[in-house]
Protein backbone atom coordinates (compact mmCIF):
# COMPACT_ATOMS: atom_id res chain seq x y z
CA MET A 1 19.99 0.41 -21.48
CA ARG A 2 16.93 -0.63 -19.03
CA ASN A 3 17.77 -3.53 -17.15
CA SER A 4 15.88 -3.72 -13.90
CA LEU A 5 13.65 -6.64 -15.01
CA LEU A 6 17.12 -8.53 -16.54
CA SER A 7 17.44 -11.49 -14.07
CA CYS A 8 20.72 -14.05 -13.41
CA GLU A 9 18.32 -17.23 -13.58
CA TYR A 10 20.45 -20.25 -14.96
CA VAL A 11 18.64 -22.86 -16.22
CA ARG A 12 20.67 -26.14 -17.08
CA ASP A 13 19.40 -29.78 -17.19
CA GLY A 14 16.21 -28.80 -16.52
CA TYR A 15 16.98 -27.27 -13.32
CA SER A 16 17.48 -23.90 -12.21
CA SER A 17 19.25 -21.73 -9.69
CA PRO A 18 18.80 -18.20 -9.03
CA GLY A 19 21.99 -16.00 -9.73
CA VAL A 20 23.47 -12.83 -7.78
CA ILE A 21 20.26 -10.36 -7.26
CA HIS A 22 21.25 -6.61 -7.00
CA LEU A 23 18.78 -4.19 -5.54
CA GLU A 24 20.70 -1.28 -7.52
CA PRO A 25 20.60 -2.91 -10.96
CA PRO A 26 23.58 -1.26 -13.34
CA ASP A 27 22.89 0.96 -16.00
CA HIS A 28 23.54 -1.23 -19.11
CA ALA A 29 22.76 -4.79 -20.09
CA VAL A 30 24.67 -7.85 -21.40
CA ILE A 31 23.31 -9.30 -24.67
CA LEU A 32 24.44 -12.94 -25.82
CA PHE A 33 23.78 -14.59 -29.23
CA ARG A 34 24.74 -18.03 -29.46
CA VAL A 35 25.86 -18.34 -32.91
CA GLU A 36 26.00 -22.51 -33.96
CA ALA A 37 26.68 -22.94 -37.80
CA ASN A 38 26.44 -19.34 -38.63
CA ALA A 39 23.30 -18.95 -37.76
CA VAL A 40 22.19 -16.85 -34.31
CA GLY A 41 19.83 -19.78 -32.49
CA LYS A 42 19.30 -17.99 -28.89
CA ILE A 43 19.34 -14.34 -27.74
CA ARG A 44 19.61 -13.76 -23.96
CA SER A 45 19.29 -10.19 -21.63
CA LEU A 46 21.59 -10.70 -18.75
CA SER A 47 22.71 -8.03 -15.62
CA PRO A 48 26.54 -7.36 -16.27
CA ASP A 49 26.89 -8.73 -12.68
CA CYS A 50 25.35 -11.66 -13.65
CA GLU A 51 27.82 -14.90 -13.40
CA ILE A 52 28.03 -17.02 -17.39
CA ASP A 53 28.90 -20.14 -17.60
CA ALA A 54 29.59 -20.64 -21.48
CA GLY A 55 30.28 -24.38 -20.90
CA GLY A 56 33.81 -24.26 -22.67
CA LEU A 57 32.66 -22.29 -25.67
CA PRO A 58 34.26 -19.60 -27.10
CA VAL A 59 32.97 -16.41 -26.05
CA HIS A 60 33.62 -13.07 -28.22
CA TRP A 61 33.12 -9.98 -26.25
CA LEU A 62 31.52 -6.81 -28.27
CA THR A 63 31.78 -3.83 -26.70
CA ASP A 64 30.93 0.40 -26.90
CA VAL A 65 28.45 -0.64 -29.42
CA ALA A 66 25.16 1.89 -30.03
CA PRO A 67 22.25 1.46 -28.42
CA SER A 68 20.58 1.99 -32.34
CA GLN A 69 23.34 -0.07 -34.05
CA SER A 70 22.15 -2.97 -30.94
CA VAL A 71 18.43 -2.50 -31.56
CA ALA A 72 18.77 -2.61 -35.23
CA LEU A 73 20.81 -5.93 -35.19
CA LEU A 74 18.24 -7.34 -32.63
CA ALA A 75 15.13 -6.53 -35.02
CA SER A 76 16.56 -7.70 -37.88
CA TYR A 77 16.11 -11.34 -36.20
CA LEU A 78 12.35 -10.45 -36.01
CA PRO A 79 9.83 -12.02 -36.87
CA GLN A 80 11.47 -15.23 -35.99
CA LYS A 81 9.32 -17.28 -33.18
CA GLU A 82 12.31 -19.14 -31.53
CA LEU A 83 13.72 -15.53 -30.87
CA ASP A 84 10.60 -14.01 -29.71
CA GLY A 85 9.57 -12.75 -26.00
CA ASN A 86 12.95 -14.44 -24.50
CA GLY A 87 15.01 -13.48 -26.58
CA ALA A 88 14.89 -10.70 -29.32
CA VAL A 89 12.06 -8.64 -28.09
CA THR A 90 13.12 -9.05 -24.54
CA ALA A 91 16.43 -7.44 -25.94
CA ILE A 92 15.47 -4.73 -27.26
CA ALA A 93 13.41 -3.63 -24.44
CA ALA A 94 16.18 -3.55 -22.24
CA HIS A 95 17.32 -0.52 -24.47
CA ALA A 96 16.83 3.03 -22.74
CA ASP A 97 16.90 4.34 -26.36
CA ALA A 98 13.84 6.03 -28.82
CA SER A 99 15.09 3.61 -31.55
CA ALA A 100 13.53 0.63 -28.99
CA ASP A 101 10.73 2.25 -28.87
CA ALA A 102 10.11 2.97 -32.10
CA ALA A 103 11.59 -0.50 -33.08
CA LEU A 104 8.55 -1.95 -30.07
CA ASP A 105 6.10 0.39 -32.07
CA ARG A 106 6.81 -1.29 -35.23
CA LEU A 107 6.19 -4.93 -33.73
CA LEU A 108 2.48 -4.04 -32.38
CA ALA A 109 1.71 -3.36 -35.93
CA ALA A 110 -1.55 -5.16 -36.82
CA THR A 111 0.39 -6.88 -39.62
CA GLN A 112 2.73 -8.52 -36.90
CA PRO A 113 2.26 -12.44 -36.44
CA GLU A 114 0.23 -12.16 -33.04
CA TRP A 115 2.82 -13.81 -31.00
CA LEU A 116 5.32 -11.16 -31.94
CA ARG A 117 2.73 -8.96 -30.98
CA ARG A 118 1.68 -10.23 -27.86
CA SER A 119 5.48 -10.19 -26.28
CA ALA A 120 5.75 -6.93 -27.80
CA ALA A 121 2.47 -5.32 -26.33
CA SER A 122 3.26 -7.09 -22.83
CA LEU A 123 6.99 -5.58 -22.66
CA MET A 124 5.97 -1.82 -24.17
CA ALA A 125 3.36 -1.52 -21.27
CA SER A 126 5.61 -2.78 -18.71
CA GLN A 127 9.16 -1.24 -19.90
CA ARG A 128 8.94 1.55 -21.78
CA GLY A 129 7.17 4.36 -19.30
CA ARG A 130 5.13 6.74 -20.24
CA HIS A 131 5.58 6.09 -23.77
CA GLY A 132 4.62 2.54 -23.10
CA VAL A 133 1.22 3.44 -21.35
CA GLU A 134 0.65 5.29 -24.77
CA ALA A 135 1.37 3.26 -27.36
CA VAL A 136 -0.78 0.59 -25.58
CA LYS A 137 -3.89 2.74 -24.72
CA ASN A 138 -5.79 2.75 -28.78
CA LEU A 139 -4.71 -0.89 -28.36
CA ILE A 140 -6.53 -1.98 -25.39
CA SER A 141 -9.45 -0.24 -26.54
CA ASN A 142 -10.03 -1.02 -30.15
CA ASP A 143 -7.03 -4.57 -31.19
CA SER A 144 -9.01 -7.05 -32.76
CA SER A 145 -7.33 -9.42 -30.77
CA ASP A 146 -8.44 -10.22 -26.94
CA ASN A 147 -4.67 -11.67 -26.21
CA VAL A 148 -2.99 -8.85 -27.39
CA ARG A 149 -5.23 -6.71 -25.18
CA GLN A 150 -4.57 -9.15 -22.40
CA SER A 151 -0.68 -8.85 -22.63
CA ALA A 152 -0.98 -5.55 -22.46
CA ILE A 153 -2.97 -5.15 -19.93
CA ASN A 154 -0.78 -7.53 -17.71
CA GLY A 155 2.33 -5.24 -18.71
CA LEU A 156 1.06 -2.37 -17.22
CA ALA A 157 0.38 -3.95 -13.81
CA ARG A 158 4.44 -3.91 -13.95
CA ASN A 159 4.31 -0.07 -15.38
CA LYS A 160 5.33 2.12 -12.12
CA GLU A 161 4.29 5.69 -13.83
CA PRO A 162 0.63 7.42 -12.79
CA GLU A 163 -0.62 6.78 -16.25
CA ALA A 164 -0.25 3.25 -16.16
CA LEU A 165 -2.67 3.34 -13.16
CA ASP A 166 -5.23 5.16 -14.86
CA LEU A 167 -5.33 3.22 -17.61
CA LEU A 168 -6.35 0.12 -15.76
CA ILE A 169 -8.74 2.12 -13.77
CA ALA A 170 -10.59 3.17 -17.16
CA THR A 171 -10.31 -0.54 -18.42
CA ALA A 172 -11.37 -2.73 -15.35
CA ARG A 173 -14.34 0.39 -14.92
CA SER A 174 -15.56 0.90 -19.15
CA ASP A 175 -14.39 -1.81 -21.55
CA ARG A 176 -16.94 -3.88 -23.63
CA ASN A 177 -15.34 -7.58 -22.94
CA PRO A 178 -16.08 -8.46 -19.60
CA HIS A 179 -13.15 -10.53 -19.78
CA ILE A 180 -10.85 -7.34 -20.39
CA ARG A 181 -12.25 -5.61 -17.59
CA ALA A 182 -11.91 -8.85 -14.97
CA GLN A 183 -8.03 -8.93 -16.55
CA ALA A 184 -7.69 -5.27 -15.79
CA ILE A 185 -9.11 -5.83 -12.21
CA SER A 186 -6.36 -8.53 -11.21
CA ALA A 187 -3.67 -6.05 -12.56
CA LEU A 188 -4.56 -3.40 -10.20
CA ASN A 189 -3.91 -5.77 -7.06
CA ARG A 190 -0.56 -5.12 -7.80
CA LYS A 191 -0.80 -1.38 -6.92
CA PRO A 192 -2.05 -0.08 -3.74
CA GLY A 193 -3.62 2.95 -2.99
CA GLN A 194 -7.38 4.90 -2.78
CA PRO A 195 -8.53 4.90 -6.33
CA VAL A 196 -7.42 0.67 -6.68
CA LEU A 197 -9.70 0.32 -3.91
CA ASP A 198 -12.20 2.51 -5.06
CA ALA A 199 -12.14 1.10 -8.61
CA ILE A 200 -12.32 -2.45 -6.99
CA GLN A 201 -15.48 -1.27 -4.82
CA SER A 202 -17.14 -0.15 -7.93
CA ALA A 203 -16.81 -3.31 -9.84
CA ILE A 204 -17.74 -5.21 -7.01
CA SER A 205 -21.13 -3.01 -6.81
CA ASN A 206 -21.74 -2.08 -9.86
CA ASP A 207 -20.58 -4.63 -13.07
CA THR A 208 -23.30 -6.47 -14.12
CA ASP A 209 -20.80 -9.69 -15.13
CA VAL A 210 -20.52 -12.07 -11.72
CA THR A 211 -16.61 -12.88 -13.31
CA VAL A 212 -15.59 -9.29 -13.26
CA ARG A 213 -17.44 -9.14 -9.45
CA ARG A 214 -15.51 -11.98 -8.36
CA ARG A 215 -12.37 -11.36 -9.89
CA ALA A 216 -12.36 -8.06 -7.83
CA VAL A 217 -12.86 -9.98 -4.64
CA ASP A 218 -9.74 -11.97 -5.26
CA ALA A 219 -7.75 -8.77 -6.21
CA LEU A 220 -9.25 -7.48 -2.70
CA GLY A 221 -7.51 -10.56 -1.24
CA SER A 222 -4.29 -9.97 -3.12
CA LEU A 223 -3.67 -6.44 -2.25
CA PRO A 224 -0.10 -5.97 -0.45
CA ASP A 225 -0.26 -5.20 3.13
CA GLY A 226 -3.52 -6.95 3.72
CA ALA A 227 -4.94 -3.82 2.18
CA GLY A 228 -7.85 -5.00 1.38
CA ILE A 229 -9.28 -6.82 4.14
CA PRO A 230 -11.45 -3.94 6.01
CA MET A 231 -13.28 -3.97 2.58
CA LEU A 232 -13.84 -7.95 2.27
CA ILE A 233 -15.09 -7.64 6.05
CA GLN A 234 -17.29 -5.03 4.56
CA ILE A 235 -18.90 -7.12 2.02
CA VAL A 236 -19.42 -9.84 3.85
CA LYS A 237 -21.75 -7.68 6.27
CA THR A 238 -23.80 -6.00 3.94
CA SER A 239 -23.23 -7.33 0.26
CA LYS A 240 -26.72 -8.64 -1.15
CA ASP A 241 -24.57 -10.67 -3.43
CA ALA A 242 -24.51 -14.27 -1.61
CA GLU A 243 -21.77 -15.52 -3.96
CA VAL A 244 -19.86 -12.31 -3.61
CA ARG A 245 -19.93 -12.87 0.01
CA LYS A 246 -18.89 -16.57 -0.12
CA GLN A 247 -16.19 -15.76 -1.84
CA ALA A 248 -15.02 -12.41 0.46
CA MET A 249 -15.53 -15.10 3.47
CA ASN A 250 -12.85 -17.69 1.78
CA ARG A 251 -10.52 -14.79 0.93
CA LEU A 252 -10.77 -13.66 4.77
CA GLU A 253 -10.49 -16.85 5.58
CA ALA A 254 -7.45 -17.68 3.66
CA SER A 255 -5.64 -14.26 4.44
CA HIS A 256 -5.00 -15.60 8.56
CA ASP A 257 -4.98 -11.95 9.22
CA ALA A 258 -5.63 -10.71 12.51
CA ARG A 259 -8.55 -8.48 11.84
CA ALA A 260 -10.32 -11.04 9.69
CA GLN A 261 -9.78 -13.31 13.10
CA ALA A 262 -11.38 -10.79 15.03
CA PHE A 263 -14.29 -10.70 12.67
CA PHE A 264 -15.02 -14.38 12.68
CA GLU A 265 -14.86 -14.20 16.00
CA GLU A 266 -17.33 -11.63 16.37
CA VAL A 267 -19.59 -13.66 14.21
CA LEU A 268 -19.28 -16.86 16.27
CA LYS A 269 -20.43 -14.78 19.64
């Protein structure tokens, strides 16, 4: 099972506290079903390293379960809104098995409820590697629901495959909807590198929508290790868009970066 995104966060009486976080996650997951009155009321996916407190309730362990059987069981609880993205769908996505890809493909179908499609789109894009990228490519371009499209874009931001970056850049450059372009630009700030800088620069210089241009400036200010600082300084020096220049100045000020401070000192002189 894939479980690199599984956590050990506990929520009790309205308060949460983190559990043990391992840098090298194990190769399997624990899926817990809470059964009450002969009905499953909650499903949770956890790392096997998590400490589980059942609060005195009996716990029955099932071991050596075939991944395809596990996926089939989880899929049988859908669609049930109370068991969606924080339950059955998340657990399905944790399986490193082709049956999980097939199950998530079915949940993306236009006939499924939108809330379920949004959860499936996010998990498919973020956790299913290259298959996930291919599965959401047409969805991002053509789906009738902008909410589902945005969920897929947010998921791609966490996908480490090169194809995920390519799809985000293509979406940021050419999608028909400015809100979707802006969403793709925001997702790029998790993926540093020259192609990302080029895509953000293109949005600032060429996009016809002011929201997209402003989101691109924000993305520059959020890039890891201050990678966007030099470009922000250049925008302040050369951009003819007063709104963009002002926003770039604000992002530089908020960065507390030494290069930004040196630039401000130069301006003041």
